[in-house]
Amino acid sequence: MPRTPQPIKLVVAGDATLAAWEARRHQEAALTGILTRQLPRSLAQRVRVIDATGTELVVAADAGAIAAVVKQRIPDLLSALRREASQFSSIRVRVQVRIDPVIPVKSQSSQIDRASIQPLAKLARELPDGPLKAALAKFVRRAG
């Protein structure tokens, strides 16, 4: 008898390793949320918690300049974490450059309509013989 599919939440909860990973991810996301509320939006998008075990919170920044600004704000960040009942004694900031994959944009070839071809066709007929007339006639022939 075939088994019915289970929701992924139940699968993750049923496996001890996956449940531990999910709990860690959830804790790091909650701590990242606390930090991002304390940072300017332009910085908050480029900072994330990567390790929340022990008494030291490890934060990753996307660039050295961002890490420097976050280091200057460590006292404010620690006090915000303490208000949220997190007992970290220090924050370590690492630089981990993330390179977002470039999604190639598919170029769309635009079709030329007959109304636009007519003036070019007329010009091709009126030009004297030569390479320009031949190229323009070839373009008009292919386009229309």
N, C-alpha and C. Protein backbone atom coordinates (compact mmCIF):
# COMPACT_ATOMS: atom_id res chain seq x y z
N MET A 1 0.84 -1.17 0.00
CA MET A 1 0.00 0.00 0.00
C MET A 1 0.89 1.25 0.00
N PRO A 2 0.71 2.17 -0.95
CA PRO A 2 1.56 3.36 -1.03
C PRO A 2 1.30 4.30 0.15
N ARG A 3 2.39 4.89 0.62
CA ARG A 3 2.28 5.84 1.73
C ARG A 3 1.90 7.21 1.18
N THR A 4 1.14 7.92 1.97
CA THR A 4 0.77 9.28 1.56
C THR A 4 1.93 10.20 1.88
N PRO A 5 2.14 11.21 1.07
CA PRO A 5 3.25 12.13 1.32
C PRO A 5 3.02 12.91 2.63
N GLN A 6 4.11 13.14 3.33
CA GLN A 6 4.05 13.90 4.57
C GLN A 6 4.51 15.33 4.32
N PRO A 7 3.99 16.27 5.07
CA PRO A 7 4.50 17.64 4.96
C PRO A 7 5.97 17.68 5.37
N ILE A 8 6.71 18.54 4.74
CA ILE A 8 8.16 18.63 5.00
C ILE A 8 8.43 18.99 6.45
N LYS A 9 7.54 19.75 7.05
CA LYS A 9 7.71 20.13 8.46
C LYS A 9 7.75 18.89 9.36
N LEU A 10 6.90 17.90 9.06
CA LEU A 10 6.89 16.67 9.84
C LEU A 10 8.14 15.83 9.58
N VAL A 11 8.61 15.83 8.36
CA VAL A 11 9.82 15.09 8.03
C VAL A 11 11.01 15.68 8.77
N VAL A 12 11.12 17.00 8.77
CA VAL A 12 12.23 17.67 9.45
C VAL A 12 12.14 17.44 10.95
N ALA A 13 10.95 17.53 11.52
CA ALA A 13 10.77 17.33 12.95
C ALA A 13 11.05 15.89 13.36
N GLY A 14 10.82 14.95 12.49
CA GLY A 14 11.01 13.53 12.79
C GLY A 14 12.46 13.10 12.80
N ASP A 15 13.32 13.80 12.10
CA ASP A 15 14.74 13.45 12.04
C ASP A 15 15.51 14.34 13.00
N ALA A 16 16.29 13.75 13.89
CA ALA A 16 17.00 14.52 14.91
C ALA A 16 18.01 15.50 14.31
N THR A 17 18.74 15.06 13.30
CA THR A 17 19.74 15.94 12.68
C THR A 17 19.07 17.11 11.98
N LEU A 18 18.04 16.82 11.20
CA LEU A 18 17.33 17.89 10.50
C LEU A 18 16.65 18.83 11.49
N ALA A 19 16.12 18.29 12.56
CA ALA A 19 15.46 19.13 13.57
C ALA A 19 16.47 20.06 14.22
N ALA A 20 17.67 19.57 14.49
CA ALA A 20 18.71 20.42 15.09
C ALA A 20 19.12 21.53 14.12
N TRP A 21 19.25 21.18 12.84
CA TRP A 21 19.60 22.21 11.84
C TRP A 21 18.50 23.26 11.74
N GLU A 22 17.25 22.81 11.75
CA GLU A 22 16.13 23.74 11.66
C GLU A 22 16.07 24.65 12.87
N ALA A 23 16.34 24.11 14.05
CA ALA A 23 16.34 24.94 15.27
C ALA A 23 17.46 25.97 15.21
N ARG A 24 18.64 25.56 14.72
CA ARG A 24 19.75 26.50 14.58
C ARG A 24 19.41 27.59 13.56
N ARG A 25 18.83 27.19 12.45
CA ARG A 25 18.45 28.17 11.43
C ARG A 25 17.43 29.16 11.97
N HIS A 26 16.49 28.65 12.73
CA HIS A 26 15.46 29.50 13.31
C HIS A 26 16.06 30.49 14.31
N GLN A 27 16.99 30.01 15.15
CA GLN A 27 17.64 30.88 16.13
C GLN A 27 18.47 31.94 15.43
N GLU A 28 19.24 31.55 14.41
CA GLU A 28 20.07 32.51 13.69
C GLU A 28 19.21 33.53 12.95
N ALA A 29 18.08 33.10 12.40
CA ALA A 29 17.19 34.05 11.73
C ALA A 29 16.59 35.03 12.73
N ALA A 30 16.23 34.57 13.92
CA ALA A 30 15.68 35.46 14.94
C ALA A 30 16.73 36.48 15.39
N LEU A 31 17.96 36.03 15.59
CA LEU A 31 19.03 36.94 15.99
C LEU A 31 19.37 37.92 14.88
N THR A 32 19.36 37.45 13.64
CA THR A 32 19.59 38.35 12.50
C THR A 32 18.50 39.42 12.47
N GLY A 33 17.27 39.04 12.76
CA GLY A 33 16.18 40.01 12.81
C GLY A 33 16.40 41.07 13.86
N ILE A 34 16.89 40.67 15.04
CA ILE A 34 17.18 41.64 16.10
C ILE A 34 18.27 42.61 15.65
N LEU A 35 19.33 42.07 15.03
CA LEU A 35 20.42 42.92 14.58
C LEU A 35 19.99 43.87 13.47
N THR A 36 19.18 43.37 12.54
CA THR A 36 18.79 44.21 11.40
C THR A 36 17.87 45.35 11.84
N ARG A 37 17.14 45.16 12.93
CA ARG A 37 16.31 46.27 13.44
C ARG A 37 17.16 47.38 14.04
N GLN A 38 18.39 47.05 14.42
CA GLN A 38 19.27 48.04 15.04
C GLN A 38 20.20 48.72 14.04
N LEU A 39 20.26 48.21 12.84
CA LEU A 39 21.17 48.74 11.83
C LEU A 39 20.39 49.49 10.75
N PRO A 40 21.03 50.45 10.09
CA PRO A 40 20.38 51.08 8.94
C PRO A 40 20.06 50.05 7.86
N ARG A 41 19.02 50.31 7.12
CA ARG A 41 18.54 49.35 6.12
C ARG A 41 19.62 48.94 5.13
N SER A 42 20.45 49.88 4.70
CA SER A 42 21.48 49.55 3.72
C SER A 42 22.51 48.58 4.30
N LEU A 43 22.75 48.66 5.60
CA LEU A 43 23.68 47.72 6.23
C LEU A 43 22.98 46.41 6.59
N ALA A 44 21.76 46.52 7.06
CA ALA A 44 21.04 45.35 7.56
C ALA A 44 20.89 44.27 6.49
N GLN A 45 20.75 44.67 5.27
CA GLN A 45 20.57 43.69 4.18
C GLN A 45 21.85 42.92 3.90
N ARG A 46 22.97 43.41 4.41
CA ARG A 46 24.25 42.79 4.09
C ARG A 46 24.95 42.17 5.30
N VAL A 47 24.17 41.96 6.38
CA VAL A 47 24.71 41.38 7.61
C VAL A 47 23.82 40.20 8.01
N ARG A 48 24.45 39.10 8.47
CA ARG A 48 23.68 37.94 8.90
C ARG A 48 24.44 37.21 10.00
N VAL A 49 23.71 36.52 10.85
CA VAL A 49 24.31 35.72 11.92
C VAL A 49 24.71 34.38 11.32
N ILE A 50 25.95 33.96 11.62
CA ILE A 50 26.40 32.67 11.09
C ILE A 50 26.69 31.66 12.20
N ASP A 51 26.84 32.13 13.45
CA ASP A 51 27.06 31.19 14.55
C ASP A 51 26.57 31.82 15.84
N ALA A 52 25.66 31.13 16.49
CA ALA A 52 25.09 31.65 17.74
C ALA A 52 25.29 30.68 18.88
N THR A 53 26.31 29.84 18.79
CA THR A 53 26.58 28.91 19.87
C THR A 53 27.57 29.54 20.85
N GLY A 54 27.40 29.26 22.13
CA GLY A 54 28.29 29.81 23.13
C GLY A 54 27.92 31.23 23.50
N THR A 55 28.90 31.94 24.05
CA THR A 55 28.64 33.31 24.51
C THR A 55 29.07 34.35 23.49
N GLU A 56 29.68 33.91 22.40
CA GLU A 56 30.12 34.84 21.36
C GLU A 56 29.23 34.67 20.12
N LEU A 57 28.67 35.78 19.67
CA LEU A 57 27.84 35.78 18.46
C LEU A 57 28.74 36.11 17.28
N VAL A 58 28.71 35.28 16.25
CA VAL A 58 29.52 35.51 15.07
C VAL A 58 28.60 36.00 13.95
N VAL A 59 28.96 37.15 13.41
CA VAL A 59 28.16 37.82 12.39
C VAL A 59 29.00 37.93 11.13
N ALA A 60 28.38 37.72 9.98
CA ALA A 60 29.08 37.86 8.70
C ALA A 60 28.59 39.12 8.01
N ALA A 61 29.55 39.85 7.45
CA ALA A 61 29.25 41.04 6.67
C ALA A 61 29.75 40.81 5.25
N ASP A 62 29.08 41.42 4.28
CA ASP A 62 29.41 41.19 2.88
C ASP A 62 30.66 41.92 2.40
N ALA A 63 31.13 42.91 3.15
CA ALA A 63 32.29 43.68 2.73
C ALA A 63 33.02 44.21 3.95
N GLY A 64 34.28 44.54 3.78
CA GLY A 64 35.08 45.05 4.88
C GLY A 64 34.56 46.35 5.46
N ALA A 65 34.08 47.24 4.61
CA ALA A 65 33.55 48.52 5.09
C ALA A 65 32.30 48.30 5.94
N ILE A 66 31.48 47.36 5.55
CA ILE A 66 30.26 47.06 6.32
C ILE A 66 30.66 46.45 7.67
N ALA A 67 31.66 45.58 7.66
CA ALA A 67 32.13 44.98 8.90
C ALA A 67 32.66 46.05 9.85
N ALA A 68 33.36 47.05 9.31
CA ALA A 68 33.89 48.12 10.15
C ALA A 68 32.77 48.92 10.81
N VAL A 69 31.71 49.21 10.07
CA VAL A 69 30.58 49.95 10.64
C VAL A 69 29.87 49.11 11.70
N VAL A 70 29.72 47.82 11.43
CA VAL A 70 29.06 46.94 12.40
C VAL A 70 29.90 46.85 13.67
N LYS A 71 31.22 46.79 13.54
CA LYS A 71 32.10 46.75 14.72
C LYS A 71 31.94 48.00 15.57
N GLN A 72 31.73 49.15 14.93
CA GLN A 72 31.52 50.39 15.69
C GLN A 72 30.22 50.36 16.46
N ARG A 73 29.26 49.59 16.00
CA ARG A 73 27.94 49.52 16.63
C ARG A 73 27.78 48.33 17.57
N ILE A 74 28.84 47.61 17.86
CA ILE A 74 28.74 46.42 18.71
C ILE A 74 28.13 46.72 20.08
N PRO A 75 28.49 47.80 20.77
CA PRO A 75 27.85 48.05 22.07
C PRO A 75 26.32 48.20 21.97
N ASP A 76 25.84 48.90 20.96
CA ASP A 76 24.40 49.04 20.76
C ASP A 76 23.75 47.70 20.43
N LEU A 77 24.43 46.90 19.61
CA LEU A 77 23.89 45.61 19.23
C LEU A 77 23.83 44.66 20.44
N LEU A 78 24.86 44.69 21.29
CA LEU A 78 24.85 43.84 22.48
C LEU A 78 23.73 44.23 23.43
N SER A 79 23.51 45.53 23.60
CA SER A 79 22.42 45.95 24.49
C SER A 79 21.06 45.56 23.92
N ALA A 80 20.91 45.63 22.60
CA ALA A 80 19.64 45.21 21.98
C ALA A 80 19.45 43.72 22.16
N LEU A 81 20.51 42.94 22.05
CA LEU A 81 20.41 41.49 22.24
C LEU A 81 20.06 41.16 23.69
N ARG A 82 20.62 41.91 24.62
CA ARG A 82 20.32 41.65 26.04
C ARG A 82 18.86 41.99 26.36
N ARG A 83 18.33 43.02 25.72
CA ARG A 83 16.91 43.36 25.92
C ARG A 83 16.01 42.25 25.44
N GLU A 84 16.47 41.49 24.42
CA GLU A 84 15.69 40.39 23.87
C GLU A 84 16.02 39.06 24.56
N ALA A 85 16.67 39.11 25.72
CA ALA A 85 17.00 37.95 26.55
C ALA A 85 18.05 37.03 25.92
N SER A 86 18.92 37.56 25.12
CA SER A 86 20.04 36.79 24.59
C SER A 86 21.29 37.18 25.38
N GLN A 87 21.99 36.21 25.89
CA GLN A 87 23.14 36.48 26.75
C GLN A 87 24.46 36.25 26.02
N PHE A 88 24.79 37.16 25.13
CA PHE A 88 26.07 37.09 24.44
C PHE A 88 27.00 38.11 25.08
N SER A 89 28.24 37.70 25.30
CA SER A 89 29.20 38.60 25.92
C SER A 89 29.98 39.40 24.89
N SER A 90 30.03 38.89 23.65
CA SER A 90 30.77 39.60 22.61
C SER A 90 30.18 39.25 21.23
N ILE A 91 30.56 40.09 20.29
CA ILE A 91 30.17 39.86 18.89
C ILE A 91 31.44 39.90 18.06
N ARG A 92 31.63 38.87 17.25
CA ARG A 92 32.76 38.85 16.33
C ARG A 92 32.21 39.03 14.92
N VAL A 93 32.84 39.90 14.16
CA VAL A 93 32.37 40.20 12.80
C VAL A 93 33.38 39.64 11.81
N ARG A 94 32.88 38.82 10.91
CA ARG A 94 33.71 38.26 9.83
C ARG A 94 33.26 38.83 8.50
N VAL A 95 34.17 38.88 7.58
CA VAL A 95 33.84 39.32 6.23
C VAL A 95 33.69 38.07 5.37
N GLN A 96 32.51 37.87 4.81
CA GLN A 96 32.26 36.78 3.89
C GLN A 96 31.57 37.37 2.67
N VAL A 97 32.34 37.56 1.64
CA VAL A 97 31.82 38.17 0.43
C VAL A 97 30.88 37.19 -0.25
N ARG A 98 29.68 37.65 -0.51
CA ARG A 98 28.69 36.85 -1.24
C ARG A 98 28.60 37.42 -2.65
N ILE A 99 28.73 36.57 -3.60
CA ILE A 99 28.58 37.01 -4.99
C ILE A 99 27.26 36.46 -5.48
N ASP A 100 26.33 37.35 -5.72
CA ASP A 100 25.03 36.93 -6.23
C ASP A 100 25.19 36.51 -7.68
N PRO A 101 24.61 35.40 -8.04
CA PRO A 101 24.74 34.95 -9.43
C PRO A 101 24.05 35.93 -10.37
N VAL A 102 24.73 36.20 -11.46
CA VAL A 102 24.17 37.09 -12.47
C VAL A 102 23.23 36.28 -13.35
N ILE A 103 22.01 36.71 -13.37
CA ILE A 103 21.01 36.02 -14.20
C ILE A 103 21.03 36.68 -15.57
N PRO A 104 21.41 35.93 -16.59
CA PRO A 104 21.47 36.53 -17.92
C PRO A 104 20.07 36.91 -18.40
N VAL A 105 20.00 38.08 -18.96
CA VAL A 105 18.73 38.56 -19.48
C VAL A 105 18.64 38.14 -20.94
N LYS A 106 17.61 37.40 -21.25
CA LYS A 106 17.43 36.94 -22.62
C LYS A 106 16.94 38.12 -23.46
N SER A 107 17.71 38.44 -24.47
CA SER A 107 17.30 39.54 -25.32
C SER A 107 16.18 39.10 -26.25
N GLN A 108 15.23 39.96 -26.40
CA GLN A 108 14.12 39.67 -27.28
C GLN A 108 14.33 40.40 -28.59
N SER A 109 14.26 39.65 -29.67
CA SER A 109 14.40 40.31 -30.95
C SER A 109 13.07 40.99 -31.29
N SER A 110 13.18 42.25 -31.58
CA SER A 110 11.95 42.97 -31.90
C SER A 110 11.68 42.86 -33.41
N GLN A 111 10.46 42.54 -33.73
CA GLN A 111 10.06 42.42 -35.12
C GLN A 111 9.70 43.79 -35.67
N ILE A 112 10.12 44.05 -36.86
CA ILE A 112 9.81 45.32 -37.50
C ILE A 112 8.51 45.15 -38.31
N ASP A 113 7.64 46.13 -38.24
CA ASP A 113 6.36 46.00 -38.95
C ASP A 113 6.47 46.57 -40.37
N ARG A 114 5.48 46.26 -41.18
CA ARG A 114 5.51 46.66 -42.60
C ARG A 114 5.51 48.18 -42.77
N ALA A 115 4.85 48.89 -41.90
CA ALA A 115 4.81 50.35 -42.01
C ALA A 115 6.21 50.95 -41.85
N SER A 116 7.03 50.32 -41.03
CA SER A 116 8.39 50.81 -40.83
C SER A 116 9.32 50.41 -41.97
N ILE A 117 9.00 49.33 -42.67
CA ILE A 117 9.84 48.87 -43.76
C ILE A 117 9.65 49.70 -45.03
N GLN A 118 8.45 50.23 -45.23
CA GLN A 118 8.14 50.95 -46.48
C GLN A 118 9.12 52.09 -46.77
N PRO A 119 9.42 53.00 -45.81
CA PRO A 119 10.38 54.06 -46.14
C PRO A 119 11.76 53.51 -46.49
N LEU A 120 12.18 52.41 -45.83
CA LEU A 120 13.48 51.83 -46.14
C LEU A 120 13.48 51.19 -47.53
N ALA A 121 12.37 50.56 -47.89
CA ALA A 121 12.27 49.97 -49.22
C ALA A 121 12.32 51.05 -50.29
N LYS A 122 11.64 52.16 -50.04
CA LYS A 122 11.64 53.27 -51.00
C LYS A 122 13.05 53.84 -51.15
N LEU A 123 13.75 53.99 -50.03
CA LEU A 123 15.13 54.49 -50.06
C LEU A 123 16.04 53.52 -50.82
N ALA A 124 15.84 52.23 -50.62
CA ALA A 124 16.66 51.23 -51.32
C ALA A 124 16.45 51.30 -52.84
N ARG A 125 15.23 51.60 -53.27
CA ARG A 125 14.96 51.72 -54.71
C ARG A 125 15.58 52.99 -55.29
N GLU A 126 15.66 54.06 -54.50
CA GLU A 126 16.13 55.35 -55.03
C GLU A 126 17.63 55.53 -54.97
N LEU A 127 18.32 54.74 -54.16
CA LEU A 127 19.77 54.88 -54.04
C LEU A 127 20.46 54.42 -55.31
N PRO A 128 21.62 55.03 -55.63
CA PRO A 128 22.41 54.54 -56.77
C PRO A 128 23.03 53.18 -56.40
N ASP A 129 23.38 52.44 -57.44
CA ASP A 129 23.99 51.13 -57.21
C ASP A 129 25.23 51.27 -56.33
N GLY A 130 25.39 50.35 -55.42
CA GLY A 130 26.55 50.38 -54.52
C GLY A 130 26.29 49.47 -53.33
N PRO A 131 27.25 49.41 -52.41
CA PRO A 131 27.12 48.51 -51.27
C PRO A 131 25.99 48.90 -50.31
N LEU A 132 25.72 50.20 -50.17
CA LEU A 132 24.63 50.63 -49.29
C LEU A 132 23.28 50.18 -49.83
N LYS A 133 23.08 50.34 -51.14
CA LYS A 133 21.82 49.92 -51.76
C LYS A 133 21.64 48.41 -51.63
N ALA A 134 22.72 47.65 -51.83
CA ALA A 134 22.65 46.19 -51.74
C ALA A 134 22.34 45.75 -50.31
N ALA A 135 23.00 46.39 -49.34
CA ALA A 135 22.77 46.02 -47.93
C ALA A 135 21.36 46.37 -47.50
N LEU A 136 20.88 47.54 -47.91
CA LEU A 136 19.53 47.97 -47.54
C LEU A 136 18.47 47.09 -48.20
N ALA A 137 18.68 46.72 -49.44
CA ALA A 137 17.75 45.83 -50.15
C ALA A 137 17.72 44.45 -49.50
N LYS A 138 18.87 43.97 -49.07
CA LYS A 138 18.95 42.67 -48.39
C LYS A 138 18.21 42.75 -47.05
N PHE A 139 18.38 43.84 -46.31
CA PHE A 139 17.69 44.01 -45.02
C PHE A 139 16.17 44.04 -45.23
N VAL A 140 15.72 44.79 -46.21
CA VAL A 140 14.28 44.89 -46.48
C VAL A 140 13.71 43.53 -46.88
N ARG A 141 14.47 42.80 -47.67
CA ARG A 141 14.02 41.49 -48.13
C ARG A 141 13.89 40.52 -46.95
N ARG A 142 14.88 40.53 -46.04
CA ARG A 142 14.84 39.64 -44.87
C ARG A 142 13.77 40.05 -43.87
N ALA A 143 13.57 41.34 -43.70
CA ALA A 143 12.63 41.84 -42.69
C ALA A 143 11.17 41.73 -43.12
N GLY A 144 10.95 41.76 -44.38
CA GLY A 144 9.55 41.82 -44.75
C GLY A 144 9.11 40.90 -45.79
